[in-house]
């Protein structure tokens, strides 16, 4: 026993000598900062066009590299970080957006005598699968015939489809989709184009989801080889509620399928016509028409469908930088907090109050008019955005969902094809892009176990966008390698 005690005493006193000789595993931030400064100097990008904050993740953490961090920059879609933060702060974490079928009619055997009302609750995730479930639930009422109209009610929001806070010019691409409390499939249609069987034959066109709301005009033909000279445009159909999709040009017979994403113009009719045709597929006859209206207070709820919860909706917005979802969330915030029809002005006011009261943003240090970033009027300091990220990181209530909503480098969302194997899954960040603007902000997981917060923004000429994007990736590679 005496020998064991002597041995144990000797061993314990020797332990410090082992740890004292262990290699230093600290991260040399001065070396990183020097390498970043050198990389920027050699980048051929004016330093005045860059806004950078890089530092720790604690609230009030100091940076170890900054450049113009207190200067105002156009953030583009980095704005969605503000919208995500405010959504998590104002909604319960289990909040779900609902869609209802109601009626004031009378049931007689398998017939509904009266109107069927489709009421939107501002669900950004209401898509084909949602509609199918809604119809399946309605089928269990036993109704086979509806004598009245299908009334579409989107009064939960205001009637403004394209808020003035967006850029002035409208385009028919999906990223510029309209907003409505009753919306379907992101208010967009996927147009698939395939070559015909022989050279000179018409191309094959498929719209998804297809319905009588969409009229397709096919002017595309099949050509030799692998050529792709396809033009897809959308026009309003003045003869009826709906849109016309025109496909023109040529597609090579050896070419793979091509897809184009187009927005629609009338979300409520788009949703109602889809419901009418889903009902028809299940053998339910609607004798009336799809018309606009509002559900009376005495209307009875027949079916209520809960859509995706808040966490999934925020993720849809962040992963793919979805402008439509950002504005839908903002109108929902307005409707939920103010108990009035959802509107962008009210939602922006709530976002601003959250930024100023919860995060200490100063009115003179930022400007926010649009929640998606689809404007050049939004202005933000890199320092303030970094502070927001750090405040979120230290709020256990929602931070796991907040960081999970961000694109992952080399894995998914808008970062799926960036960084590659050099970074693996070390970066979780939101991207931003406009003409002459690119940005990246989020978190870096260092191989040695540390986590850093960063905000990178470039505002300059469009000709140097690619260089700025590459510079941001190079900076992150420097951090992870040192």
Protein backbone atom coordinates (compact mmCIF):
# COMPACT_ATOMS: atom_id res chain seq x y z
CA UNK A 1 0.00 0.00 0.00
CA UNK A 2 2.90 2.32 0.94
CA UNK A 3 4.51 1.72 -2.47
CA UNK A 4 1.19 2.51 -4.23
CA UNK A 5 0.82 5.83 -2.38
CA UNK A 6 4.39 6.80 -3.31
CA UNK A 7 3.72 5.93 -6.96
CA UNK A 8 0.40 7.86 -7.00
CA UNK A 9 2.03 10.91 -5.40
CA UNK A 10 4.83 10.82 -7.97
CA UNK A 11 2.31 10.52 -10.85
CA UNK A 12 0.10 13.40 -9.67
CA UNK A 13 3.05 15.73 -9.27
CA UNK A 14 4.24 14.82 -12.76
CA UNK A 15 0.90 15.70 -14.49
CA UNK A 16 1.56 19.47 -14.72
CA UNK A 17 4.83 18.80 -16.50
CA UNK A 18 2.95 16.90 -19.25
CA UNK A 19 0.38 19.69 -19.79
CA UNK A 20 3.10 22.34 -19.66
CA UNK A 21 4.85 20.79 -22.60
CA UNK A 22 1.63 20.40 -24.69
CA UNK A 23 1.61 22.46 -27.90
CA UNK A 24 -0.19 25.86 -27.84
CA UNK A 25 -3.58 25.41 -29.51
CA UNK A 26 -4.63 29.09 -29.36
CA UNK A 27 -5.82 30.92 -32.47
CA UNK A 28 -3.51 33.77 -33.44
CA UNK A 29 -6.00 36.50 -34.30
CA UNK A 30 -3.26 39.03 -35.08
CA UNK A 31 -1.88 36.73 -37.75
CA UNK A 32 -5.37 36.24 -39.20
CA UNK A 33 -6.01 40.00 -39.24
CA UNK A 34 -2.68 40.63 -40.99
CA UNK A 35 -3.39 38.01 -43.65
CA UNK A 36 -6.88 39.42 -44.23
CA UNK A 37 -5.50 42.93 -44.64
CA UNK A 38 -2.91 41.64 -47.14
CA UNK A 39 -5.58 39.76 -49.10
CA UNK A 40 -7.78 42.86 -49.33
CA UNK A 41 -4.81 44.99 -50.38
CA UNK A 42 -4.11 42.62 -53.28
CA UNK A 43 -7.75 42.18 -54.30
CA UNK A 44 -8.06 45.18 -56.67
CA UNK A 45 -11.22 46.20 -54.78
CA UNK A 46 -11.34 49.73 -53.33
CA UNK A 47 -11.28 49.50 -49.54
CA UNK A 48 -14.03 52.13 -49.38
CA UNK A 49 -16.39 49.66 -51.10
CA UNK A 50 -16.00 47.06 -48.36
CA UNK A 51 -17.66 46.77 -44.96
CA UNK A 52 -16.31 44.06 -42.65
CA UNK A 53 -16.77 43.02 -39.03
CA UNK A 54 -15.18 39.84 -37.72
CA UNK A 55 -15.04 38.79 -34.10
CA UNK A 56 -16.36 36.67 -31.26
CA UNK A 57 -19.92 35.59 -30.64
CA UNK A 58 -20.61 37.09 -27.21
CA UNK A 59 -22.89 40.11 -26.87
CA UNK A 60 -20.60 43.13 -26.99
CA UNK A 61 -17.66 41.06 -28.26
CA UNK A 62 -14.75 42.96 -29.74
CA UNK A 63 -13.70 42.42 -33.32
CA UNK A 64 -10.28 41.28 -34.36
CA UNK A 65 -10.73 42.71 -37.83
CA UNK A 66 -12.91 45.62 -38.97
CA UNK A 67 -13.12 47.72 -42.10
CA UNK A 68 -15.70 50.51 -42.49
CA UNK A 69 -17.86 48.65 -39.97
CA UNK A 70 -19.71 51.85 -38.95
CA UNK A 71 -20.39 52.96 -42.52
CA UNK A 72 -23.84 52.53 -44.06
CA UNK A 73 -24.08 49.88 -46.79
CA UNK A 74 -26.89 48.49 -48.94
CA UNK A 75 -27.37 45.00 -47.43
CA UNK A 76 -29.54 43.44 -50.20
CA UNK A 77 -30.88 40.09 -48.92
CA UNK A 78 -28.87 40.26 -45.70
CA UNK A 79 -31.97 42.22 -44.68
CA UNK A 80 -33.75 38.88 -44.27
CA UNK A 81 -31.64 38.27 -41.15
CA UNK A 82 -33.51 41.18 -39.53
CA UNK A 83 -36.84 39.73 -40.67
CA UNK A 84 -35.97 36.28 -39.32
CA UNK A 85 -34.86 37.69 -35.96
CA UNK A 86 -38.06 39.78 -35.61
CA UNK A 87 -40.24 36.81 -36.59
CA UNK A 88 -38.73 34.66 -33.85
CA UNK A 89 -39.06 37.48 -31.31
CA UNK A 90 -42.75 38.23 -32.05
CA UNK A 91 -44.36 34.85 -32.79
CA UNK A 92 -44.58 31.85 -30.46
CA UNK A 93 -42.10 29.21 -31.59
CA UNK A 94 -44.94 26.80 -32.40
CA UNK A 95 -46.94 29.35 -34.40
CA UNK A 96 -48.62 27.94 -37.51
CA UNK A 97 -50.35 29.68 -40.40
CA UNK A 98 -53.86 28.43 -41.19
CA UNK A 99 -56.09 28.07 -44.25
CA UNK A 100 -59.82 27.44 -43.91
CA UNK A 101 -62.84 26.24 -45.86
CA UNK A 102 -66.10 27.78 -44.60
CA UNK A 103 -69.72 28.08 -45.62
CA UNK A 104 -73.02 29.73 -44.73
CA UNK A 105 -74.85 27.19 -46.86
CA UNK A 106 -77.05 24.23 -45.96
CA UNK A 107 -76.19 20.55 -46.33
CA UNK A 108 -78.73 18.37 -48.15
CA UNK A 109 -77.62 14.75 -48.57
CA UNK A 110 -74.42 15.01 -50.65
CA UNK A 111 -74.99 18.62 -51.72
CA UNK A 112 -73.93 21.95 -50.25
CA UNK A 113 -76.61 24.54 -51.00
CA UNK A 114 -74.67 27.78 -50.99
CA UNK A 115 -71.13 29.06 -51.39
CA UNK A 116 -67.89 27.41 -50.33
CA UNK A 117 -65.40 29.96 -48.97
CA UNK A 118 -61.63 29.55 -49.17
CA UNK A 119 -60.07 31.85 -46.58
CA UNK A 120 -56.35 32.51 -46.51
CA UNK A 121 -54.47 32.96 -43.26
CA UNK A 122 -51.23 34.20 -44.79
CA UNK A 123 -49.56 30.79 -45.05
CA UNK A 124 -46.37 31.18 -47.12
CA UNK A 125 -46.01 27.39 -47.27
CA UNK A 126 -49.43 26.62 -48.79
CA UNK A 127 -48.48 24.48 -51.79
CA UNK A 128 -49.90 21.60 -53.88
CA UNK A 129 -49.48 19.07 -51.08
CA UNK A 130 -51.28 21.43 -48.68
CA UNK A 131 -54.17 21.85 -51.13
CA UNK A 132 -54.43 18.09 -51.53
CA UNK A 133 -54.69 17.59 -47.75
CA UNK A 134 -57.26 20.38 -47.48
CA UNK A 135 -59.39 18.74 -50.16
CA UNK A 136 -58.99 15.29 -48.61
CA UNK A 137 -60.28 16.68 -45.32
CA UNK A 138 -63.22 18.31 -47.10
CA UNK A 139 -64.10 15.05 -48.88
CA UNK A 140 -64.93 13.55 -45.49
CA UNK A 141 -67.90 15.93 -45.18
CA UNK A 142 -69.56 13.80 -47.86
CA UNK A 143 -70.26 16.76 -50.17
CA UNK A 144 -70.31 15.82 -53.87
CA UNK A 145 -71.89 18.98 -55.27
CA UNK A 146 -71.65 22.70 -54.42
CA UNK A 147 -74.53 24.73 -55.82
CA UNK A 148 -73.01 28.16 -55.21
CA UNK A 149 -69.71 29.90 -55.95
CA UNK A 150 -66.23 29.33 -54.61
CA UNK A 151 -65.51 32.57 -52.74
CA UNK A 152 -61.84 33.45 -52.27
CA UNK A 153 -61.15 35.55 -49.17
CA UNK A 154 -57.73 37.11 -48.70
CA UNK A 155 -58.83 39.86 -46.31
CA UNK A 156 -56.33 38.80 -43.61
CA UNK A 157 -53.84 41.03 -45.48
CA UNK A 158 -54.33 44.28 -47.31
CA UNK A 159 -54.86 44.16 -51.08
CA UNK A 160 -51.42 45.50 -52.05
CA UNK A 161 -49.66 42.82 -54.10
CA UNK A 162 -46.40 44.66 -54.79
CA UNK A 163 -45.38 47.03 -52.03
CA UNK A 164 -43.87 50.38 -53.00
CA UNK A 165 -40.79 49.47 -50.96
CA UNK A 166 -39.66 47.02 -53.65
CA UNK A 167 -37.59 48.20 -56.58
CA UNK A 168 -39.76 50.14 -59.03
CA UNK A 169 -39.49 47.82 -62.03
CA UNK A 170 -41.66 44.68 -62.06
CA UNK A 171 -40.47 41.47 -63.66
CA UNK A 172 -42.25 38.16 -64.32
CA UNK A 173 -39.66 36.04 -62.53
CA UNK A 174 -40.55 34.10 -59.38
CA UNK A 175 -38.37 36.23 -57.08
CA UNK A 176 -40.74 39.16 -57.76
CA UNK A 177 -43.94 37.23 -56.94
CA UNK A 178 -46.98 39.11 -55.56
CA UNK A 179 -48.13 38.74 -51.96
CA UNK A 180 -51.60 37.87 -50.66
CA UNK A 181 -53.12 36.34 -47.54
CA UNK A 182 -54.51 33.65 -49.84
CA UNK A 183 -51.54 32.42 -51.84
CA UNK A 184 -50.51 29.13 -53.40
CA UNK A 185 -47.23 27.52 -54.41
CA UNK A 186 -45.21 30.68 -53.69
CA UNK A 187 -47.42 32.41 -56.28
CA UNK A 188 -45.21 30.96 -58.97
CA UNK A 189 -45.38 28.38 -61.73
CA UNK A 190 -42.57 26.15 -62.98
CA UNK A 191 -42.41 25.94 -66.78
CA UNK A 192 -40.57 22.86 -68.07
CA UNK A 193 -39.41 22.69 -71.69
CA UNK A 194 -38.25 19.50 -73.45
CA UNK A 195 -37.31 18.87 -77.08
CA UNK A 196 -39.85 17.21 -79.36
CA UNK A 197 -39.28 13.80 -80.95
CA UNK A 198 -37.98 15.16 -84.26
CA UNK A 199 -36.09 18.21 -85.50
CA UNK A 200 -38.58 20.91 -86.44
CA UNK A 201 -41.36 19.58 -84.21
CA UNK A 202 -42.85 21.71 -81.40
CA UNK A 203 -41.08 21.60 -78.06
CA UNK A 204 -42.92 19.90 -75.21
CA UNK A 205 -44.16 22.31 -72.53
CA UNK A 206 -45.30 21.40 -69.03
CA UNK A 207 -46.52 23.88 -66.40
CA UNK A 208 -46.44 22.82 -62.76
CA UNK A 209 -48.82 23.23 -61.08
CA UNK A 210 -51.06 23.26 -64.11
CA UNK A 211 -54.62 24.62 -64.07
CA UNK A 212 -57.01 26.59 -66.24
CA UNK A 213 -55.61 29.74 -64.62
CA UNK A 214 -52.56 29.29 -66.88
CA UNK A 215 -52.83 29.43 -70.66
CA UNK A 216 -49.68 28.19 -72.42
CA UNK A 217 -48.78 29.41 -75.91
CA UNK A 218 -46.06 27.22 -77.42
CA UNK A 219 -43.92 28.88 -80.08
CA UNK A 220 -40.80 26.85 -79.34
CA UNK A 221 -39.42 24.30 -81.79
CA UNK A 222 -36.89 21.48 -81.69
CA UNK A 223 -33.49 22.12 -83.31
CA UNK A 224 -30.29 20.17 -83.94
CA UNK A 225 -27.75 19.35 -81.26
CA UNK A 226 -27.63 20.78 -77.75
CA UNK A 227 -28.74 24.34 -78.42
CA UNK A 228 -30.84 26.28 -75.88
CA UNK A 229 -32.36 29.52 -77.09
CA UNK A 230 -35.57 29.51 -75.10
CA UNK A 231 -37.50 32.61 -74.05
CA UNK A 232 -40.31 32.32 -71.50
CA UNK A 233 -42.52 35.30 -70.73
CA UNK A 234 -45.72 35.91 -68.81
CA UNK A 235 -48.61 38.20 -69.72
CA UNK A 236 -51.88 39.02 -67.98
CA UNK A 237 -54.88 37.39 -69.67
CA UNK A 238 -57.33 40.30 -70.02
CA UNK A 239 -60.15 38.01 -71.13
CA UNK A 240 -60.39 36.21 -67.77
CA UNK A 241 -58.70 35.82 -64.37
CA UNK A 242 -55.35 34.29 -65.19
CA UNK A 243 -52.03 34.59 -66.96
CA UNK A 244 -50.62 33.62 -70.33
CA UNK A 245 -47.24 31.87 -70.51
CA UNK A 246 -45.49 32.26 -73.87
CA UNK A 247 -42.60 29.94 -74.70
CA UNK A 248 -40.58 30.79 -77.82
CA UNK A 249 -37.23 29.95 -79.39
CA UNK A 250 -35.47 26.64 -79.99
CA UNK A 251 -34.22 23.74 -77.90
CA UNK A 252 -31.78 21.11 -79.19
CA UNK A 253 -33.01 17.56 -79.61
CA UNK A 254 -30.05 16.41 -77.50
CA UNK A 255 -30.75 18.96 -74.79
CA UNK A 256 -31.88 18.02 -71.29
CA UNK A 257 -35.00 19.49 -69.77
CA UNK A 258 -34.97 23.26 -69.19
CA UNK A 259 -36.99 24.97 -66.44
CA UNK A 260 -38.12 28.58 -66.04
CA UNK A 261 -39.74 29.99 -62.90
CA UNK A 262 -42.48 32.58 -63.43
CA UNK A 263 -44.66 34.50 -61.02
CA UNK A 264 -48.43 34.78 -61.36
CA UNK A 265 -50.39 38.03 -60.96
CA UNK A 266 -53.59 37.26 -59.03
CA UNK A 267 -52.87 35.11 -55.94
CA UNK A 268 -56.49 34.75 -54.79
CA UNK A 269 -57.86 33.60 -58.16
CA UNK A 270 -54.76 31.44 -58.66
CA UNK A 271 -55.53 29.69 -55.33
CA UNK A 272 -59.27 29.42 -55.94
CA UNK A 273 -58.99 27.96 -59.43
CA UNK A 274 -56.49 25.41 -58.14
CA UNK A 275 -58.94 24.41 -55.39
CA UNK A 276 -61.78 24.10 -57.91
CA UNK A 277 -59.74 21.71 -60.03
CA UNK A 278 -58.49 19.72 -57.03
CA UNK A 279 -62.12 19.26 -56.00
CA UNK A 280 -63.02 18.19 -59.53
CA UNK A 281 -60.30 15.52 -59.44
CA UNK A 282 -61.95 14.10 -56.32
CA UNK A 283 -65.40 14.07 -57.91
CA UNK A 284 -66.79 17.23 -56.27
CA UNK A 285 -68.73 19.41 -58.73
CA UNK A 286 -68.70 23.19 -58.27
CA UNK A 287 -71.63 24.66 -60.20
CA UNK A 288 -70.73 28.30 -59.63
CA UNK A 289 -67.64 30.37 -60.37
CA UNK A 290 -64.54 31.47 -58.51
CA UNK A 291 -65.29 34.95 -57.15
CA UNK A 292 -63.71 37.36 -54.69
CA UNK A 293 -65.43 38.00 -51.36
CA UNK A 294 -65.18 37.92 -47.60
CA UNK A 295 -66.37 35.25 -45.21
CA UNK A 296 -69.33 36.45 -43.10
CA UNK A 297 -68.80 36.33 -39.35
CA UNK A 298 -71.48 33.64 -39.07
CA UNK A 299 -69.76 31.35 -41.58
CA UNK A 300 -69.09 27.85 -40.26
CA UNK A 301 -65.58 26.40 -40.50
CA UNK A 302 -65.73 23.07 -42.32
CA UNK A 303 -62.02 22.37 -42.60
CA UNK A 304 -58.96 24.08 -41.12
CA UNK A 305 -55.47 23.21 -42.30
CA UNK A 306 -52.42 24.15 -40.26
CA UNK A 307 -49.47 24.83 -42.51
CA UNK A 308 -45.77 24.66 -41.68
CA UNK A 309 -44.72 26.14 -38.36
CA UNK A 310 -42.73 29.34 -37.95
CA UNK A 311 -39.38 27.54 -37.93
CA UNK A 312 -39.98 25.92 -41.32
CA UNK A 313 -41.26 29.16 -42.88
CA UNK A 314 -38.22 31.15 -41.70
CA UNK A 315 -35.98 28.40 -43.08
CA UNK A 316 -37.75 28.60 -46.46
CA UNK A 317 -37.00 32.31 -46.52
CA UNK A 318 -33.37 32.09 -45.43
CA UNK A 319 -32.10 29.02 -47.28
CA UNK A 320 -33.18 30.23 -50.71
CA UNK A 321 -33.43 33.97 -50.02
CA UNK A 322 -37.14 33.93 -50.85
CA UNK A 323 -38.44 37.51 -51.19
CA UNK A 324 -42.07 36.36 -51.29
CA UNK A 325 -41.76 34.57 -47.94
CA UNK A 326 -40.04 37.61 -46.38
CA UNK A 327 -42.95 39.88 -47.29
CA UNK A 328 -45.53 37.26 -46.28
CA UNK A 329 -43.85 36.95 -42.88
CA UNK A 330 -43.79 40.73 -42.47
CA UNK A 331 -47.50 41.10 -43.22
CA UNK A 332 -48.17 38.22 -40.83
CA UNK A 333 -46.20 39.99 -38.09
CA UNK A 334 -48.35 43.08 -38.68
CA UNK A 335 -51.62 41.12 -38.59
CA UNK A 336 -50.60 39.12 -35.50
CA UNK A 337 -49.35 42.07 -33.43
CA UNK A 338 -51.71 44.86 -34.55
CA UNK A 339 -54.84 42.70 -35.05
CA UNK A 340 -55.51 44.48 -38.36
CA UNK A 341 -55.16 43.37 -41.99
CA UNK A 342 -51.47 42.58 -42.47
CA UNK A 343 -49.47 45.22 -44.29
CA UNK A 344 -45.81 45.96 -45.00
CA UNK A 345 -45.83 49.39 -43.37
CA UNK A 346 -47.09 47.97 -40.07
CA UNK A 347 -44.72 45.02 -40.27
CA UNK A 348 -41.71 47.24 -40.97
CA UNK A 349 -42.64 49.41 -37.99
CA UNK A 350 -42.59 46.32 -35.75
CA UNK A 351 -39.23 45.21 -37.17
CA UNK A 352 -37.79 48.67 -36.53
CA UNK A 353 -39.15 48.68 -32.97
CA UNK A 354 -37.54 45.30 -32.37
CA UNK A 355 -34.19 46.47 -33.74
CA UNK A 356 -34.20 49.66 -31.70
CA UNK A 357 -35.70 48.41 -28.42
CA UNK A 358 -34.19 44.93 -28.32
CA UNK A 359 -30.88 45.50 -30.08
CA UNK A 360 -30.15 49.18 -29.56
CA UNK A 361 -30.15 50.18 -33.24
CA UNK A 362 -29.98 53.97 -33.63
CA UNK A 363 -32.39 55.60 -36.12
CA UNK A 364 -29.59 57.59 -37.76
CA UNK A 365 -27.48 54.46 -38.26
CA UNK A 366 -29.78 52.42 -40.48
CA UNK A 367 -32.70 52.61 -42.90
CA UNK A 368 -35.25 49.85 -43.44
CA UNK A 369 -38.14 50.05 -45.90
CA UNK A 370 -38.39 46.52 -47.31
CA UNK A 371 -38.08 43.22 -45.37
CA UNK A 372 -36.61 41.14 -48.20
CA UNK A 373 -33.85 43.51 -49.29
CA UNK A 374 -35.23 43.88 -52.82
CA UNK A 375 -34.44 47.59 -52.74
CA UNK A 376 -31.49 49.94 -52.73
CA UNK A 377 -33.05 52.10 -50.01
CA UNK A 378 -32.22 49.74 -47.13
CA UNK A 379 -29.00 50.77 -45.36
CA UNK A 380 -27.16 49.01 -42.57
CA UNK A 381 -23.84 49.11 -40.67
CA UNK A 382 -21.84 45.85 -40.63
CA UNK A 383 -21.23 46.44 -36.90
CA UNK A 384 -24.97 46.48 -36.13
CA UNK A 385 -25.67 43.33 -38.13
CA UNK A 386 -22.85 41.55 -36.29
CA UNK A 387 -24.34 42.69 -32.96
CA UNK A 388 -27.72 41.25 -34.01
CA UNK A 389 -26.12 37.91 -34.87
CA UNK A 390 -24.40 37.81 -31.48
CA UNK A 391 -27.60 38.70 -29.64
CA UNK A 392 -29.38 35.89 -31.48
CA UNK A 393 -26.57 33.47 -30.64
CA UNK A 394 -27.06 34.18 -26.96
CA UNK A 395 -30.85 33.74 -27.01
CA UNK A 396 -31.42 30.03 -26.39
CA UNK A 397 -35.15 30.43 -27.04
CA UNK A 398 -34.65 30.44 -30.80
CA UNK A 399 -30.94 30.40 -31.71
CA UNK A 400 -30.86 26.68 -32.66
CA UNK A 401 -33.65 27.35 -35.19
CA UNK A 402 -32.10 30.65 -36.24
CA UNK A 403 -28.73 29.19 -37.19
CA UNK A 404 -30.37 26.08 -38.70
CA UNK A 405 -32.31 28.34 -41.07
CA UNK A 406 -29.11 29.63 -42.67
CA UNK A 407 -27.55 28.13 -45.79
CA UNK A 408 -24.66 25.74 -45.09
CA UNK A 409 -21.47 26.06 -47.10
CA UNK A 410 -21.21 23.40 -49.79
CA UNK A 411 -24.42 21.71 -48.60
CA UNK A 412 -27.64 23.60 -49.26
CA UNK A 413 -29.49 26.82 -50.07
CA UNK A 414 -27.64 29.72 -51.67
CA UNK A 415 -24.31 28.34 -50.39
CA UNK A 416 -24.72 24.88 -51.92
CA UNK A 417 -22.30 25.55 -54.78
CA UNK A 418 -19.90 27.78 -52.86
CA UNK A 419 -16.72 26.98 -50.91
CA UNK A 420 -16.83 23.27 -51.78
CA UNK A 421 -14.67 20.80 -49.89
CA UNK A 422 -12.24 23.52 -48.77
CA UNK A 423 -14.70 24.67 -46.13
CA UNK A 424 -17.05 21.70 -45.83
CA UNK A 425 -19.74 22.68 -43.29
CA UNK A 426 -17.77 25.37 -41.46
CA UNK A 427 -19.93 28.30 -42.59
CA UNK A 428 -23.60 29.00 -41.92
CA UNK A 429 -24.50 32.33 -43.41
CA UNK A 430 -27.01 34.43 -45.32
CA UNK A 431 -26.13 35.73 -48.75
CA UNK A 432 -27.11 39.04 -50.35
CA UNK A 433 -27.04 40.10 -54.00
CA UNK A 434 -28.17 43.10 -56.03
CA UNK A 435 -26.62 44.96 -58.92
CA UNK A 436 -23.32 46.23 -57.50
CA UNK A 437 -24.01 44.64 -54.10
CA UNK A 438 -22.90 41.36 -52.59
CA UNK A 439 -22.86 40.28 -48.98
CA UNK A 440 -22.33 37.37 -46.63
CA UNK A 441 -23.08 37.33 -42.90
CA UNK A 442 -23.36 34.63 -40.28
CA UNK A 443 -21.12 32.27 -38.33
CA UNK A 444 -17.85 30.42 -38.91
CA UNK A 445 -17.04 27.21 -37.05
CA UNK A 446 -13.27 27.07 -36.57
CA UNK A 447 -11.62 23.60 -36.62
CA UNK A 448 -10.26 24.25 -33.11
CA UNK A 449 -13.75 24.57 -31.64
CA UNK A 450 -14.20 28.35 -31.68
CA UNK A 451 -17.09 30.10 -33.39
CA UNK A 452 -16.83 33.52 -35.00
CA UNK A 453 -19.41 36.04 -36.14
CA UNK A 454 -18.86 37.91 -39.38
CA UNK A 455 -20.47 40.46 -41.68
CA UNK A 456 -19.02 41.11 -45.14
CA UNK A 457 -20.64 43.64 -47.51
CA UNK A 458 -19.50 45.05 -50.85
CA UNK A 459 -21.12 48.09 -52.47
CA UNK A 460 -19.38 49.06 -55.69
CA UNK A 461 -19.40 48.47 -59.41
CA UNK A 462 -21.05 45.42 -60.92
CA UNK A 463 -17.80 44.60 -62.75
CA UNK A 464 -16.14 43.66 -59.45
CA UNK A 465 -18.99 41.63 -57.94
CA UNK A 466 -17.29 38.30 -58.67
CA UNK A 467 -13.99 39.54 -57.21
CA UNK A 468 -15.75 40.68 -54.04
CA UNK A 469 -17.57 37.35 -53.71
CA UNK A 470 -14.29 35.48 -54.10
CA UNK A 471 -12.59 37.81 -51.62
CA UNK A 472 -15.15 36.97 -48.95
CA UNK A 473 -14.58 33.26 -49.50
CA UNK A 474 -10.81 33.76 -49.35
CA UNK A 475 -11.10 35.61 -46.05
CA UNK A 476 -13.08 32.75 -44.54
CA UNK A 477 -10.50 30.25 -45.78
CA UNK A 478 -7.78 32.31 -44.07
CA UNK A 479 -9.70 32.21 -40.78
CA UNK A 480 -10.25 28.47 -40.87
CA UNK A 481 -6.66 27.69 -41.91
CA UNK A 482 -5.07 29.67 -39.04
